[in-house]
């Protein structure tokens, strides 16, 4: 048990170290925000590395995994020797202590920690047990672990039963990495990556809102996100093994840093956002159209200068390289079980128009259910009513249009699906809303920032 715990800690530390190497240019970010970013960057980068090695014919086993891990630590130590650490000047400055504000912060932090411990406990209390986390994501990870390749017959042979063979591999390869480091299959411990990504998203939301309205507002935003009931679900939330929370991280974080780019025009934000959006495309099939929506809005709302144009072009090269690599891998499978793209034509859309009214009603009912979402969608509507003109600010407009276009995409899918759209909404829409939760929280606070004075931040 002790050795298993040590190997798990080593695996998680390696993911952080790889994220640090990939995100070497993020040294200006706050420490805890970087830790959150590095976890997501490291997990996605490890999946890409393992995918590339397998495509090159390298056997995916514990030996190759530990070799990759060793190389990561060797490079990290070499980089560490060349890194100069400095204490931020702000941390050395004496700051006035407002007892009332300090008490509010302490209370918010206690509630955040309590909610986080609850999710972490629920995640590790039960092994993979729901349908998707066992039959899709966990099954793929086990196929890779036992057959030692992503080109296993479990993926390429259409006569072997395996649901959704063409689904992206970021989550299964992340799970495989944990298996391989542990040197055995463990359906309980691999679930650590899901709350890990969710907590990382909570931290990123905190720092973003803190920079906008101050520490108390940042903590309030973090508490709202971490206490959304559906994210604590052991069946489909951060305590499960479903891929919707990883998608929520990569798409949510990617969109958050686009908002930061539009607000501050710093290239680090744009590059980071496009990397995360590329990883969203490697997480679930809907990650690609969602990423394209975010990128399209970025191109529409960016202030164009020659420098910004070059930054955008570099960002587009990054996302095209990653997504293009995945499509090359997918093409090698020579199977296609879900071809929704072929149904996106006018005849199908018109044929499903009779569903539109009821689809909107069902989506609305799911969105406003406080047992699943608390009151974030109600609060978002109130914030729009309180400051309607603020929607035309570039950052607010990106957030709002992002939400509208993605909800429209979901509605369109329900119009053209050959399955029962009512049943599909009942079993899928809750999960599809998860990546939008950070956007709704940002919408609330960006709208309120127009009518509230900037809070004084005391750290």
Protein backbone atom coordinates (compact mmCIF):
# COMPACT_ATOMS: atom_id res chain seq x y z
CA UNK A 1 0.00 0.00 0.00
CA UNK A 2 2.83 2.40 0.90
CA UNK A 3 4.70 1.64 -2.33
CA UNK A 4 1.49 2.13 -4.32
CA UNK A 5 1.00 5.54 -2.69
CA UNK A 6 4.63 6.50 -3.47
CA UNK A 7 4.22 5.49 -7.12
CA UNK A 8 0.98 7.47 -7.38
CA UNK A 9 2.65 10.56 -5.92
CA UNK A 10 5.56 10.10 -8.34
CA UNK A 11 3.12 9.90 -11.27
CA UNK A 12 1.31 13.09 -10.22
CA UNK A 13 4.61 14.90 -9.55
CA UNK A 14 5.84 13.86 -13.01
CA UNK A 15 2.70 15.29 -14.60
CA UNK A 16 3.37 18.58 -12.78
CA UNK A 17 7.03 18.53 -13.84
CA UNK A 18 6.10 17.96 -17.48
CA UNK A 19 3.59 20.80 -17.28
CA UNK A 20 6.35 23.01 -15.85
CA UNK A 21 8.62 22.13 -18.78
CA UNK A 22 5.92 22.76 -21.39
CA UNK A 23 4.80 25.96 -19.65
CA UNK A 24 8.31 27.32 -19.07
CA UNK A 25 7.18 30.72 -20.34
CA UNK A 26 4.53 31.16 -17.61
CA UNK A 27 6.89 32.26 -14.82
CA UNK A 28 5.09 35.59 -14.43
CA UNK A 29 1.88 33.85 -13.33
CA UNK A 30 1.12 33.41 -9.58
CA UNK A 31 2.52 30.20 -8.11
CA UNK A 32 -0.79 28.44 -7.36
CA UNK A 33 -2.21 29.38 -10.73
CA UNK A 34 0.89 27.88 -12.37
CA UNK A 35 0.48 24.68 -10.34
CA UNK A 36 -3.10 24.40 -11.62
CA UNK A 37 -2.04 25.14 -15.20
CA UNK A 38 0.89 22.71 -15.06
CA UNK A 39 -1.36 19.84 -14.01
CA UNK A 40 -3.59 20.27 -17.07
CA UNK A 41 -0.66 20.96 -19.38
CA UNK A 42 1.27 17.98 -18.05
CA UNK A 43 -1.64 15.56 -18.34
CA UNK A 44 -2.41 16.60 -21.92
CA UNK A 45 1.26 16.64 -22.94
CA UNK A 46 1.87 13.20 -21.44
CA UNK A 47 -1.04 11.85 -23.49
CA UNK A 48 0.39 13.36 -26.68
CA UNK A 49 3.85 11.93 -25.91
CA UNK A 50 2.46 8.44 -25.29
CA UNK A 51 0.31 8.67 -28.43
CA UNK A 52 3.33 9.68 -30.51
CA UNK A 53 5.51 6.91 -29.06
CA UNK A 54 2.87 4.31 -29.82
CA UNK A 55 2.46 5.57 -33.39
CA UNK A 56 6.25 5.23 -33.78
CA UNK A 57 6.00 1.58 -32.77
CA UNK A 58 7.26 1.89 -29.20
CA UNK A 59 5.57 -0.60 -26.87
CA UNK A 60 3.58 1.13 -24.14
CA UNK A 61 4.57 -0.71 -20.98
CA UNK A 62 5.96 0.13 -17.56
CA UNK A 63 9.54 0.13 -18.87
CA UNK A 64 8.88 2.73 -21.57
CA UNK A 65 6.69 4.72 -19.18
CA UNK A 66 9.39 4.84 -16.52
CA UNK A 67 11.95 5.77 -19.18
CA UNK A 68 9.79 8.73 -20.24
CA UNK A 69 9.32 9.64 -16.57
CA UNK A 70 13.08 9.52 -15.96
CA UNK A 71 13.79 11.75 -18.97
CA UNK A 72 11.22 14.27 -17.73
CA UNK A 73 12.91 14.43 -14.33
CA UNK A 74 16.41 14.69 -15.82
CA UNK A 75 15.34 17.63 -18.02
CA UNK A 76 13.47 19.19 -15.07
CA UNK A 77 16.56 19.00 -12.83
CA UNK A 78 18.73 20.53 -15.56
CA UNK A 79 16.23 23.34 -16.01
CA UNK A 80 15.92 23.78 -12.24
CA UNK A 81 19.67 24.44 -11.98
CA UNK A 82 19.32 27.27 -14.50
CA UNK A 83 16.22 28.78 -12.89
CA UNK A 84 16.48 31.76 -10.60
CA UNK A 85 13.66 31.99 -8.07
CA UNK A 86 12.61 35.39 -6.81
CA UNK A 87 10.07 36.40 -4.21
CA UNK A 88 7.49 38.79 -5.69
CA UNK A 89 7.89 42.30 -4.31
CA UNK A 90 4.21 42.38 -3.40
CA UNK A 91 4.70 39.41 -1.06
CA UNK A 92 7.37 41.36 0.86
CA UNK A 93 5.21 44.45 1.32
CA UNK A 94 3.32 44.97 4.54
CA UNK A 95 -0.38 45.04 3.92
CA UNK A 96 -3.12 46.49 6.05
CA UNK A 97 -5.40 43.92 7.65
CA UNK A 98 -9.13 44.51 7.45
CA UNK A 99 -10.57 42.16 10.08
CA UNK A 100 -14.02 42.08 8.48
CA UNK A 101 -12.60 41.22 5.07
CA UNK A 102 -10.19 38.69 6.58
CA UNK A 103 -13.09 36.94 8.33
CA UNK A 104 -15.03 36.70 5.07
CA UNK A 105 -11.96 35.24 3.33
CA UNK A 106 -11.44 32.65 6.05
CA UNK A 107 -15.09 31.57 5.91
CA UNK A 108 -15.01 31.27 2.11
CA UNK A 109 -11.74 29.29 2.21
CA UNK A 110 -13.17 26.90 4.83
CA UNK A 111 -16.23 26.23 2.66
CA UNK A 112 -14.06 25.75 -0.45
CA UNK A 113 -11.76 23.29 1.34
CA UNK A 114 -14.75 21.40 2.79
CA UNK A 115 -16.36 21.08 -0.66
CA UNK A 116 -13.04 19.98 -2.16
CA UNK A 117 -12.46 17.33 0.52
CA UNK A 118 -15.97 16.01 -0.05
CA UNK A 119 -15.36 15.65 -3.80
CA UNK A 120 -11.94 14.07 -3.25
CA UNK A 121 -13.33 11.57 -0.76
CA UNK A 122 -16.25 10.65 -3.02
CA UNK A 123 -13.89 10.17 -5.97
CA UNK A 124 -11.60 7.74 -4.14
CA UNK A 125 -14.32 6.02 -2.10
CA UNK A 126 -15.58 4.06 -5.10
CA UNK A 127 -13.78 2.63 -8.16
CA UNK A 128 -15.00 3.22 -11.71
CA UNK A 129 -18.63 2.16 -11.60
CA UNK A 130 -20.79 4.22 -13.99
CA UNK A 131 -21.31 3.20 -17.61
CA UNK A 132 -19.15 5.68 -19.52
CA UNK A 133 -16.22 5.68 -17.09
CA UNK A 134 -16.02 1.86 -17.23
CA UNK A 135 -17.20 0.93 -20.73
CA UNK A 136 -15.65 3.82 -22.67
CA UNK A 137 -12.79 5.66 -20.95
CA UNK A 138 -11.64 3.01 -18.47
CA UNK A 139 -12.03 0.27 -21.07
CA UNK A 140 -9.81 2.14 -23.55
CA UNK A 141 -7.15 2.64 -20.86
CA UNK A 142 -7.16 -1.08 -20.08
CA UNK A 143 -6.94 -2.04 -23.75
CA UNK A 144 -3.85 0.18 -24.06
CA UNK A 145 -2.36 -1.20 -20.83
CA UNK A 146 -2.80 -4.86 -21.74
CA UNK A 147 -2.15 -4.64 -25.49
CA UNK A 148 0.64 -2.04 -25.07
CA UNK A 149 -0.38 0.10 -28.03
CA UNK A 150 -3.06 2.54 -29.16
CA UNK A 151 -3.24 0.58 -32.42
CA UNK A 152 -4.62 -2.46 -30.63
CA UNK A 153 -7.29 -4.58 -32.24
CA UNK A 154 -9.67 -3.26 -29.63
CA UNK A 155 -9.55 0.03 -31.54
CA UNK A 156 -8.97 -1.07 -35.12
CA UNK A 157 -11.03 -4.26 -35.50
CA UNK A 158 -14.65 -3.34 -36.16
CA UNK A 159 -15.80 -6.82 -35.17
CA UNK A 160 -14.51 -6.49 -31.61
CA UNK A 161 -17.10 -4.99 -29.31
CA UNK A 162 -15.95 -1.70 -27.87
CA UNK A 163 -18.20 1.39 -27.71
CA UNK A 164 -17.12 4.61 -29.43
CA UNK A 165 -13.83 3.41 -30.86
CA UNK A 166 -13.09 6.75 -32.51
CA UNK A 167 -13.34 8.81 -29.30
CA UNK A 168 -10.24 10.91 -28.47
CA UNK A 169 -7.57 9.37 -26.23
CA UNK A 170 -6.42 12.08 -23.81
CA UNK A 171 -8.39 10.63 -20.88
CA UNK A 172 -7.62 6.93 -21.59
CA UNK A 173 -3.90 7.67 -22.04
CA UNK A 174 -3.89 9.69 -18.80
CA UNK A 175 -5.47 6.71 -17.03
CA UNK A 176 -3.02 4.36 -18.75
CA UNK A 177 -0.12 6.44 -17.41
CA UNK A 178 -1.36 5.98 -13.84
CA UNK A 179 -1.85 2.23 -14.43
CA UNK A 180 1.62 1.94 -15.90
CA UNK A 181 3.30 3.84 -13.07
CA UNK A 182 1.46 1.70 -10.51
CA UNK A 183 2.32 -1.42 -12.58
CA UNK A 184 -1.22 -2.71 -12.18
CA UNK A 185 -4.78 -1.75 -13.05
CA UNK A 186 -6.42 0.22 -10.25
CA UNK A 187 -9.93 1.51 -10.98
CA UNK A 188 -9.96 3.56 -7.81
CA UNK A 189 -6.67 5.44 -7.91
CA UNK A 190 -6.93 6.49 -11.57
CA UNK A 191 -9.90 8.63 -10.56
CA UNK A 192 -7.49 11.06 -8.88
CA UNK A 193 -7.00 12.87 -12.20
CA UNK A 194 -10.64 13.98 -12.38
CA UNK A 195 -10.88 15.95 -9.11
CA UNK A 196 -7.30 17.09 -9.85
CA UNK A 197 -8.42 18.76 -13.08
CA UNK A 198 -11.55 20.15 -11.44
CA UNK A 199 -9.62 21.68 -8.53
CA UNK A 200 -7.19 23.15 -11.07
CA UNK A 201 -10.11 24.77 -12.88
CA UNK A 202 -11.41 26.19 -9.59
CA UNK A 203 -7.99 27.73 -8.89
CA UNK A 204 -7.81 29.27 -12.39
CA UNK A 205 -11.30 30.78 -11.97
CA UNK A 206 -10.25 32.18 -8.59
CA UNK A 207 -7.19 33.97 -9.93
CA UNK A 208 -9.02 35.32 -12.96
CA UNK A 209 -11.86 36.85 -10.92
CA UNK A 210 -9.39 38.00 -8.25
CA UNK A 211 -7.59 40.03 -10.91
CA UNK A 212 -10.93 41.52 -11.95
CA UNK A 213 -12.64 42.31 -8.64
CA UNK A 214 -10.31 41.33 -5.81
CA UNK A 215 -9.67 38.40 -3.50
CA UNK A 216 -13.11 38.14 -1.91
CA UNK A 217 -14.82 38.06 -5.30
CA UNK A 218 -12.29 35.46 -6.51
CA UNK A 219 -12.98 33.24 -3.52
CA UNK A 220 -16.74 33.69 -4.01
CA UNK A 221 -16.41 32.62 -7.67
CA UNK A 222 -14.32 29.60 -6.66
CA UNK A 223 -16.90 28.62 -4.02
CA UNK A 224 -19.76 28.92 -6.51
CA UNK A 225 -17.96 26.63 -8.96
CA UNK A 226 -16.78 24.00 -6.49
CA UNK A 227 -20.19 23.80 -4.82
CA UNK A 228 -22.22 23.24 -8.01
CA UNK A 229 -24.01 19.97 -7.14
CA UNK A 230 -23.46 18.20 -10.47
CA UNK A 231 -19.67 18.55 -10.19
CA UNK A 232 -19.77 16.65 -6.90
CA UNK A 233 -21.69 13.77 -8.46
CA UNK A 234 -20.09 10.35 -8.08
CA UNK A 235 -21.92 9.23 -11.22
CA UNK A 236 -20.98 11.90 -13.80
CA UNK A 237 -19.12 14.69 -12.00
CA UNK A 238 -15.60 15.25 -10.70
CA UNK A 239 -15.99 12.27 -8.37
CA UNK A 240 -16.58 9.97 -11.35
CA UNK A 241 -14.42 8.87 -14.27
CA UNK A 242 -16.43 10.63 -17.00
CA UNK A 243 -14.55 12.78 -19.51
CA UNK A 244 -16.87 15.77 -19.10
CA UNK A 245 -14.87 17.27 -16.22
CA UNK A 246 -11.58 17.05 -18.18
CA UNK A 247 -13.39 18.73 -21.09
CA UNK A 248 -14.71 21.36 -18.68
CA UNK A 249 -11.13 22.02 -17.58
CA UNK A 250 -9.57 22.29 -21.03
CA UNK A 251 -12.40 24.20 -22.65
CA UNK A 252 -13.13 26.31 -19.57
CA UNK A 253 -9.48 27.23 -18.96
CA UNK A 254 -8.93 27.82 -22.68
CA UNK A 255 -11.88 30.22 -22.82
CA UNK A 256 -10.85 31.96 -19.59
CA UNK A 257 -7.41 32.76 -21.02
CA UNK A 258 -8.99 34.05 -24.24
CA UNK A 259 -10.95 36.48 -22.05
CA UNK A 260 -7.65 37.43 -20.37
CA UNK A 261 -6.09 37.95 -23.84
CA UNK A 262 -8.95 40.21 -24.93
CA UNK A 263 -8.66 42.16 -21.68
CA UNK A 264 -4.87 42.49 -21.34
CA UNK A 265 -3.48 41.67 -24.80
CA UNK A 266 -0.62 39.53 -23.44
CA UNK A 267 0.62 36.81 -25.79
CA UNK A 268 1.03 34.25 -22.97
CA UNK A 269 -2.73 34.17 -22.50
CA UNK A 270 -3.43 33.55 -26.19
CA UNK A 271 -0.86 30.76 -26.55
CA UNK A 272 -2.03 29.07 -23.35
CA UNK A 273 -5.68 29.29 -24.39
CA UNK A 274 -5.03 27.73 -27.80
CA UNK A 275 -2.99 24.89 -26.24
CA UNK A 276 -5.85 24.12 -23.86
CA UNK A 277 -8.41 24.31 -26.68
CA UNK A 278 -6.32 21.86 -28.71
CA UNK A 279 -6.33 19.53 -25.72
CA UNK A 280 -10.12 19.93 -25.49
CA UNK A 281 -10.28 18.48 -29.01
CA UNK A 282 -8.23 15.50 -27.75
CA UNK A 283 -10.62 14.97 -24.83
CA UNK A 284 -14.05 14.50 -26.43
CA UNK A 285 -15.45 14.72 -29.97
CA UNK A 286 -17.46 17.85 -29.14
CA UNK A 287 -14.26 19.51 -27.96
CA UNK A 288 -13.26 20.33 -31.55
CA UNK A 289 -16.40 22.28 -32.60
CA UNK A 290 -16.38 24.01 -29.22
CA UNK A 291 -12.74 25.00 -29.76
CA UNK A 292 -13.57 26.28 -33.26
CA UNK A 293 -16.33 28.47 -31.81
CA UNK A 294 -13.94 29.97 -29.24
CA UNK A 295 -11.24 30.52 -31.87
CA UNK A 296 -13.72 32.10 -34.29
CA UNK A 297 -14.89 34.54 -31.61
CA UNK A 298 -11.27 35.33 -30.74
CA UNK A 299 -10.52 36.19 -34.37
CA UNK A 300 -13.65 38.34 -34.48
CA UNK A 301 -13.02 40.31 -31.26
CA UNK A 302 -9.22 40.71 -31.19
CA UNK A 303 -7.77 44.20 -31.66
CA UNK A 304 -5.75 43.79 -34.82
CA UNK A 305 -2.18 45.01 -35.01
CA UNK A 306 0.72 43.40 -36.84
CA UNK A 307 2.03 42.00 -33.56
CA UNK A 308 -1.38 40.58 -32.58
CA UNK A 309 -1.80 39.05 -36.03
CA UNK A 310 1.53 37.22 -35.67
CA UNK A 311 0.56 36.02 -32.18
CA UNK A 312 -2.74 34.68 -33.53
CA UNK A 313 -1.01 32.93 -36.42
CA UNK A 314 1.42 31.22 -34.05
CA UNK A 315 -1.50 30.16 -31.84
CA UNK A 316 -3.35 28.74 -34.84
CA UNK A 317 -0.24 26.77 -35.85
CA UNK A 318 -0.16 25.21 -32.36
CA UNK A 319 -3.78 24.09 -32.44
CA UNK A 320 -3.60 22.85 -36.05
CA UNK A 321 -0.50 20.79 -35.27
CA UNK A 322 -2.06 19.07 -32.24
CA UNK A 323 -5.48 18.50 -33.80
CA UNK A 324 -3.91 17.43 -37.11
CA UNK A 325 -1.80 14.86 -35.27
CA UNK A 326 -4.91 13.43 -33.60
CA UNK A 327 -6.76 13.20 -36.92
CA UNK A 328 -3.80 11.30 -38.34
CA UNK A 329 -4.01 8.84 -35.44
CA UNK A 330 -7.78 8.54 -35.83
CA UNK A 331 -7.51 7.91 -39.56
CA UNK A 332 -5.15 5.00 -38.91
CA UNK A 333 -7.97 3.22 -37.03
CA UNK A 334 -10.02 3.08 -40.25
CA UNK A 335 -13.25 2.92 -38.26
CA UNK A 336 -15.97 5.52 -37.82
CA UNK A 337 -18.89 4.77 -35.59
CA UNK A 338 -20.29 8.25 -35.08
CA UNK A 339 -20.59 10.50 -38.09
CA UNK A 340 -22.72 13.40 -36.94
CA UNK A 341 -21.05 15.62 -39.52
CA UNK A 342 -22.85 13.78 -42.32
CA UNK A 343 -26.19 14.71 -40.74
CA UNK A 344 -25.47 18.45 -40.73
CA UNK A 345 -27.35 19.33 -43.89
CA UNK A 346 -30.45 21.42 -44.53
CA UNK A 347 -32.85 18.52 -45.10
CA UNK A 348 -32.12 16.97 -41.69
CA UNK A 349 -32.30 20.31 -39.91
CA UNK A 350 -35.65 21.15 -41.52
CA UNK A 351 -36.93 17.66 -40.74
CA UNK A 352 -36.19 18.24 -37.06
CA UNK A 353 -37.64 21.75 -36.80
CA UNK A 354 -40.79 20.42 -35.08
CA UNK A 355 -38.56 19.41 -32.16
CA UNK A 356 -37.16 22.90 -31.65
CA UNK A 357 -39.71 24.33 -29.20
CA UNK A 358 -39.72 21.28 -26.94
CA UNK A 359 -35.93 20.96 -27.19
CA UNK A 360 -35.50 24.52 -25.93
CA UNK A 361 -37.97 23.92 -23.09
CA UNK A 362 -36.22 20.71 -22.01
CA UNK A 363 -32.79 22.36 -22.18
CA UNK A 364 -34.10 25.30 -20.14
CA UNK A 365 -35.58 23.00 -17.48
CA UNK A 366 -32.29 21.12 -17.14
CA UNK A 367 -30.29 24.36 -16.94
CA UNK A 368 -32.42 25.96 -14.22
CA UNK A 369 -32.71 22.89 -11.99
CA UNK A 370 -31.15 24.01 -8.67
CA UNK A 371 -30.63 20.38 -7.59
CA UNK A 372 -28.05 20.08 -10.39
CA UNK A 373 -26.68 23.57 -10.93
CA UNK A 374 -27.47 25.60 -7.85
CA UNK A 375 -28.44 29.07 -9.02
CA UNK A 376 -25.62 29.97 -11.43
CA UNK A 377 -27.83 30.19 -14.51
CA UNK A 378 -30.43 32.26 -12.64
CA UNK A 379 -27.67 34.54 -11.36
CA UNK A 380 -26.33 34.91 -14.91
CA UNK A 381 -29.76 36.01 -16.16
CA UNK A 382 -30.05 38.51 -13.30
CA UNK A 383 -26.57 39.91 -14.05
CA UNK A 384 -27.57 40.49 -17.69
CA UNK A 385 -30.77 42.28 -16.61
CA UNK A 386 -28.82 44.48 -14.16
CA UNK A 387 -26.20 45.57 -16.73
CA UNK A 388 -27.47 44.83 -20.26
CA UNK A 389 -25.17 47.35 -21.99
CA UNK A 390 -22.11 45.69 -20.46
CA UNK A 391 -22.68 42.74 -22.79
CA UNK A 392 -21.18 44.85 -25.59
CA UNK A 393 -17.76 45.02 -23.95
CA UNK A 394 -15.36 42.74 -25.80
CA UNK A 395 -14.70 40.35 -22.93
CA UNK A 396 -18.38 40.14 -21.94
CA UNK A 397 -19.41 39.72 -25.57
CA UNK A 398 -16.97 36.82 -26.02
CA UNK A 399 -18.35 35.07 -22.92
CA UNK A 400 -21.98 35.66 -23.91
CA UNK A 401 -21.61 34.64 -27.57
CA UNK A 402 -19.53 31.64 -26.56
CA UNK A 403 -22.41 30.40 -24.40
CA UNK A 404 -25.08 31.18 -27.02
CA UNK A 405 -23.24 29.49 -29.91
CA UNK A 406 -22.45 26.34 -27.93
CA UNK A 407 -26.02 26.03 -26.65
CA UNK A 408 -27.16 26.50 -30.25
CA UNK A 409 -24.79 23.74 -31.33
CA UNK A 410 -26.25 21.41 -28.71
CA UNK A 411 -29.81 22.28 -29.81
CA UNK A 412 -28.87 21.59 -33.43
CA UNK A 413 -27.49 18.16 -32.48
CA UNK A 414 -30.78 17.32 -30.77
CA UNK A 415 -32.66 18.39 -33.91
CA UNK A 416 -30.73 16.10 -36.24
CA UNK A 417 -30.07 13.10 -33.99
CA UNK A 418 -31.59 9.83 -35.24
CA UNK A 419 -32.20 8.82 -31.62
CA UNK A 420 -35.00 9.94 -29.30
CA UNK A 421 -34.11 13.57 -28.64
CA UNK A 422 -36.06 13.65 -25.36
CA UNK A 423 -34.14 10.68 -24.02
CA UNK A 424 -30.85 12.10 -25.30
CA UNK A 425 -31.44 15.42 -23.55
CA UNK A 426 -32.33 13.63 -20.31
CA UNK A 427 -29.09 11.60 -20.27
CA UNK A 428 -26.59 13.99 -21.88
CA UNK A 429 -27.46 17.66 -21.48
CA UNK A 430 -26.39 17.84 -17.82
CA UNK A 431 -22.91 16.70 -18.84
CA UNK A 432 -22.79 18.94 -21.91
CA UNK A 433 -23.39 21.98 -19.69
CA UNK A 434 -20.31 21.31 -17.53
CA UNK A 435 -17.78 23.03 -19.83
CA UNK A 436 -20.03 26.12 -19.85
CA UNK A 437 -20.18 26.46 -16.06
CA UNK A 438 -16.95 28.53 -15.84
CA UNK A 439 -18.27 30.79 -18.62
CA UNK A 440 -21.50 31.45 -16.73
CA UNK A 441 -19.53 32.29 -13.59
CA UNK A 442 -17.32 34.68 -15.56
CA UNK A 443 -20.42 36.24 -17.12
CA UNK A 444 -21.88 36.90 -13.66
CA UNK A 445 -18.76 38.61 -12.33
CA UNK A 446 -17.90 40.52 -15.51
CA UNK A 447 -21.43 41.89 -15.63
CA UNK A 448 -21.27 42.82 -11.95
CA UNK A 449 -17.85 44.45 -12.43
CA UNK A 450 -19.61 47.13 -14.46
CA UNK A 451 -21.78 48.17 -11.52
CA UNK A 452 -19.54 47.32 -8.54
CA UNK A 453 -16.39 49.19 -7.44
CA UNK A 454 -13.19 47.15 -7.66
CA UNK A 455 -12.68 45.35 -4.37
CA UNK A 456 -9.50 46.00 -2.42
CA UNK A 457 -7.44 42.84 -2.48
CA UNK A 458 -5.74 41.84 0.75
CA UNK A 459 -3.59 38.72 0.46
